[in-house]
Amino acid sequence: MALKISLKPNERMIIGGAVIRNGGKASEFHVENKVPILREKDILGEQDATTPCRNLYLVIQLMYIDEANLSTYNNTYWELVKALVDAAPSMTPTLDSISECIVGGNYYQALKLTRDLIDYEEELIRHAG
């Protein structure tokens, strides 16, 4: 079954590593095979990876859309996880769930869980200040 995607005017997305920007009008299309897809709202730019959890999100995003360099991203991922567990052990249960997704190749689900981790990180930072 095809995935139906509606794009707003000028909205960007990544499909299989290609960055696509919609034209001036809303459009709709169908993706008929399994391929990594990220809508603009889910894309984190390198310049926005300003915290450890955001760095983790960026690495998972790259794992998802750039399979050719997966081993490099995989090494970085595990280094970041270790640093996060050392810095904030309370993140361990969520990191375990994210890691299960990574090991199973379910990168999109890992990204969703990492968004929750980013929210938790922001809460920790607010309470520390």
C-alpha atoms as a PDB file:
ATOM      1  CA  MET A   1       0.000   0.000   0.000  1.00  0.00           C
ATOM      2  CA  ALA A   2       1.376   3.393  -1.021  1.00  0.00           C
ATOM      3  CA  LEU A   3       2.154   6.151   1.465  1.00  0.00           C
ATOM      4  CA  LYS A   4       0.187   9.299   0.654  1.00  0.00           C
ATOM      5  CA  ILE A   5       2.093  12.512   1.353  1.00  0.00           C
ATOM      6  CA  SER A   6       0.693  16.024   1.172  1.00  0.00           C
ATOM      7  CA  LEU A   7       3.190  18.876   1.048  1.00  0.00           C
ATOM      8  CA  LYS A   8       2.506  22.501   1.841  1.00  0.00           C
ATOM      9  CA  PRO A   9       3.835  25.176  -0.516  1.00  0.00           C
ATOM     10  CA  ASN A  10       7.666  25.303  -0.325  1.00  0.00           C
ATOM     11  CA  GLU A  11       7.798  22.503   2.273  1.00  0.00           C
ATOM     12  CA  ARG A  12      10.937  20.353   2.215  1.00  0.00           C
ATOM     13  CA  MET A  13      11.361  16.656   2.812  1.00  0.00           C
ATOM     14  CA  ILE A  14      13.957  13.946   2.391  1.00  0.00           C
ATOM     15  CA  ILE A  15      13.120  10.858   0.387  1.00  0.00           C
ATOM     16  CA  GLY A  16      15.823   8.215   0.224  1.00  0.00           C
ATOM     17  CA  GLY A  17      18.571  10.765   0.834  1.00  0.00           C
ATOM     18  CA  ALA A  18      17.319  13.282  -1.741  1.00  0.00           C
ATOM     19  CA  VAL A  19      16.174  16.656  -0.424  1.00  0.00           C
ATOM     20  CA  ILE A  20      12.974  17.734  -2.164  1.00  0.00           C
ATOM     21  CA  ARG A  21      11.317  21.149  -1.944  1.00  0.00           C
ATOM     22  CA  ASN A  22       7.715  21.560  -3.029  1.00  0.00           C
ATOM     23  CA  GLY A  23       6.792  24.365  -5.411  1.00  0.00           C
ATOM     24  CA  GLY A  24       4.511  27.305  -4.662  1.00  0.00           C
ATOM     25  CA  LYS A  25       1.325  25.223  -4.416  1.00  0.00           C
ATOM     26  CA  ALA A  26       0.285  22.381  -2.152  1.00  0.00           C
ATOM     27  CA  SER A  27       0.788  18.968  -3.705  1.00  0.00           C
ATOM     28  CA  GLU A  28       0.056  15.358  -2.991  1.00  0.00           C
ATOM     29  CA  PHE A  29       1.867  12.264  -4.124  1.00  0.00           C
ATOM     30  CA  HIS A  30       2.199   8.567  -3.293  1.00  0.00           C
ATOM     31  CA  VAL A  31       5.384   6.679  -2.440  1.00  0.00           C
ATOM     32  CA  GLU A  32       4.912   3.130  -3.626  1.00  0.00           C
ATOM     33  CA  ASN A  33       7.953   1.432  -2.159  1.00  0.00           C
ATOM     34  CA  LYS A  34       9.747   1.361   1.184  1.00  0.00           C
ATOM     35  CA  VAL A  35      12.243   4.212   1.359  1.00  0.00           C
ATOM     36  CA  PRO A  36      13.413   6.526   4.165  1.00  0.00           C
ATOM     37  CA  ILE A  37      11.178   9.612   4.328  1.00  0.00           C
ATOM     38  CA  LEU A  38      11.491  12.618   6.633  1.00  0.00           C
ATOM     39  CA  ARG A  39       9.211  15.628   6.488  1.00  0.00           C
ATOM     40  CA  GLU A  40      10.637  19.082   7.146  1.00  0.00           C
ATOM     41  CA  LYS A  41       9.273  19.143  10.709  1.00  0.00           C
ATOM     42  CA  ASP A  42      11.269  15.970  11.480  1.00  0.00           C
ATOM     43  CA  ILE A  43      14.570  17.103   9.924  1.00  0.00           C
ATOM     44  CA  LEU A  44      17.236  18.390  12.295  1.00  0.00           C
ATOM     45  CA  GLY A  45      19.943  20.487  10.667  1.00  0.00           C
ATOM     46  CA  GLU A  46      23.531  20.049  11.779  1.00  0.00           C
ATOM     47  CA  GLN A  47      23.543  23.628  13.101  1.00  0.00           C
ATOM     48  CA  ASP A  48      20.601  22.737  15.375  1.00  0.00           C
ATOM     49  CA  ALA A  49      22.346  19.761  17.025  1.00  0.00           C
ATOM     50  CA  THR A  50      23.300  21.898  20.024  1.00  0.00           C
ATOM     51  CA  THR A  51      22.790  19.433  22.890  1.00  0.00           C
ATOM     52  CA  PRO A  52      23.819  15.807  23.469  1.00  0.00           C
ATOM     53  CA  CYS A  53      20.307  14.478  22.768  1.00  0.00           C
ATOM     54  CA  ARG A  54      19.979  16.606  19.641  1.00  0.00           C
ATOM     55  CA  ASN A  55      23.350  15.201  18.501  1.00  0.00           C
ATOM     56  CA  LEU A  56      21.940  11.733  19.077  1.00  0.00           C
ATOM     57  CA  TYR A  57      18.873  12.623  16.979  1.00  0.00           C
ATOM     58  CA  LEU A  58      21.105  13.902  14.167  1.00  0.00           C
ATOM     59  CA  VAL A  59      23.147  10.692  14.137  1.00  0.00           C
ATOM     60  CA  ILE A  60      20.009   8.525  14.022  1.00  0.00           C
ATOM     61  CA  GLN A  61      18.635  10.732  11.246  1.00  0.00           C
ATOM     62  CA  LEU A  62      21.831  10.143   9.267  1.00  0.00           C
ATOM     63  CA  MET A  63      21.619   6.394   9.928  1.00  0.00           C
ATOM     64  CA  TYR A  64      18.102   6.477   8.519  1.00  0.00           C
ATOM     65  CA  ILE A  65      18.805   8.449   5.344  1.00  0.00           C
ATOM     66  CA  ASP A  66      22.451   7.568   4.558  1.00  0.00           C
ATOM     67  CA  GLU A  67      22.746   3.801   4.723  1.00  0.00           C
ATOM     68  CA  ALA A  68      26.079   3.851   2.852  1.00  0.00           C
ATOM     69  CA  ASN A  69      27.805   5.318   5.939  1.00  0.00           C
ATOM     70  CA  LEU A  70      25.879   3.342   8.534  1.00  0.00           C
ATOM     71  CA  SER A  71      28.943   1.846  10.250  1.00  0.00           C
ATOM     72  CA  THR A  72      30.425   5.306  10.906  1.00  0.00           C
ATOM     73  CA  TYR A  73      27.137   6.591  12.310  1.00  0.00           C
ATOM     74  CA  ASN A  74      26.698   3.407  14.329  1.00  0.00           C
ATOM     75  CA  ASN A  75      30.037   3.953  16.105  1.00  0.00           C
ATOM     76  CA  THR A  76      29.139   7.581  16.851  1.00  0.00           C
ATOM     77  CA  TYR A  77      25.714   6.510  18.108  1.00  0.00           C
ATOM     78  CA  TRP A  78      27.140   4.132  20.716  1.00  0.00           C
ATOM     79  CA  GLU A  79      29.691   6.720  21.879  1.00  0.00           C
ATOM     80  CA  LEU A  80      26.884   9.250  22.383  1.00  0.00           C
ATOM     81  CA  VAL A  81      24.736   6.708  24.239  1.00  0.00           C
ATOM     82  CA  LYS A  82      27.575   5.905  26.629  1.00  0.00           C
ATOM     83  CA  ALA A  83      28.198   9.599  27.303  1.00  0.00           C
ATOM     84  CA  LEU A  84      24.478  10.217  27.923  1.00  0.00           C
ATOM     85  CA  VAL A  85      24.164   7.277  30.323  1.00  0.00           C
ATOM     86  CA  ASP A  86      27.244   8.492  32.209  1.00  0.00           C
ATOM     87  CA  ALA A  87      25.924  12.080  32.387  1.00  0.00           C
ATOM     88  CA  ALA A  88      22.252  11.308  33.087  1.00  0.00           C
ATOM     89  CA  PRO A  89      21.558   7.718  34.184  1.00  0.00           C
ATOM     90  CA  SER A  90      17.823   8.543  34.337  1.00  0.00           C
ATOM     91  CA  MET A  91      17.849   8.477  30.510  1.00  0.00           C
ATOM     92  CA  THR A  92      18.848   4.795  30.439  1.00  0.00           C
ATOM     93  CA  PRO A  93      15.360   3.262  29.988  1.00  0.00           C
ATOM     94  CA  THR A  94      14.578   5.510  27.006  1.00  0.00           C
ATOM     95  CA  LEU A  95      18.055   4.983  25.557  1.00  0.00           C
ATOM     96  CA  ASP A  96      17.536   1.221  25.882  1.00  0.00           C
ATOM     97  CA  SER A  97      14.296   1.500  23.886  1.00  0.00           C
ATOM     98  CA  ILE A  98      15.983   3.662  21.252  1.00  0.00           C
ATOM     99  CA  SER A  99      18.878   1.211  21.021  1.00  0.00           C
ATOM    100  CA  GLU A 100      16.474  -1.703  20.506  1.00  0.00           C
ATOM    101  CA  CYS A 101      15.030   0.191  17.548  1.00  0.00           C
ATOM    102  CA  ILE A 102      18.523   0.885  16.178  1.00  0.00           C
ATOM    103  CA  VAL A 103      19.582  -2.757  16.451  1.00  0.00           C
ATOM    104  CA  GLY A 104      16.336  -3.765  14.721  1.00  0.00           C
ATOM    105  CA  GLY A 105      16.856  -1.233  11.917  1.00  0.00           C
ATOM    106  CA  ASN A 106      13.745   0.745  12.876  1.00  0.00           C
ATOM    107  CA  TYR A 107      15.335   4.188  12.618  1.00  0.00           C
ATOM    108  CA  TYR A 108      12.119   6.165  12.213  1.00  0.00           C
ATOM    109  CA  GLN A 109      10.756   4.782  15.496  1.00  0.00           C
ATOM    110  CA  ALA A 110      14.124   5.551  17.116  1.00  0.00           C
ATOM    111  CA  LEU A 111      13.774   9.158  15.950  1.00  0.00           C
ATOM    112  CA  LYS A 112      10.321   9.402  17.515  1.00  0.00           C
ATOM    113  CA  LEU A 113      11.643   8.124  20.844  1.00  0.00           C
ATOM    114  CA  THR A 114      14.610  10.477  20.646  1.00  0.00           C
ATOM    115  CA  ARG A 115      12.233  13.451  20.318  1.00  0.00           C
ATOM    116  CA  ASP A 116      10.854  12.435  23.723  1.00  0.00           C
ATOM    117  CA  LEU A 117      14.415  12.246  25.041  1.00  0.00           C
ATOM    118  CA  ILE A 118      15.121  15.767  23.749  1.00  0.00           C
ATOM    119  CA  ASP A 119      12.059  17.011  25.663  1.00  0.00           C
ATOM    120  CA  TYR A 120      13.325  15.273  28.805  1.00  0.00           C
ATOM    121  CA  GLU A 121      16.797  16.765  28.308  1.00  0.00           C
ATOM    122  CA  GLU A 122      15.275  20.252  28.040  1.00  0.00           C
ATOM    123  CA  GLU A 123      13.381  19.636  31.284  1.00  0.00           C
ATOM    124  CA  LEU A 124      16.602  18.576  33.037  1.00  0.00           C
ATOM    125  CA  ILE A 125      18.394  21.673  31.765  1.00  0.00           C
ATOM    126  CA  ARG A 126      15.571  23.958  32.982  1.00  0.00           C
ATOM    127  CA  HIS A 127      15.671  22.415  36.465  1.00  0.00           C
ATOM    128  CA  ALA A 128      19.470  22.586  36.661  1.00  0.00           C
ATOM    129  CA  GLY A 129      19.570  26.304  35.899  1.00  0.00           C
END
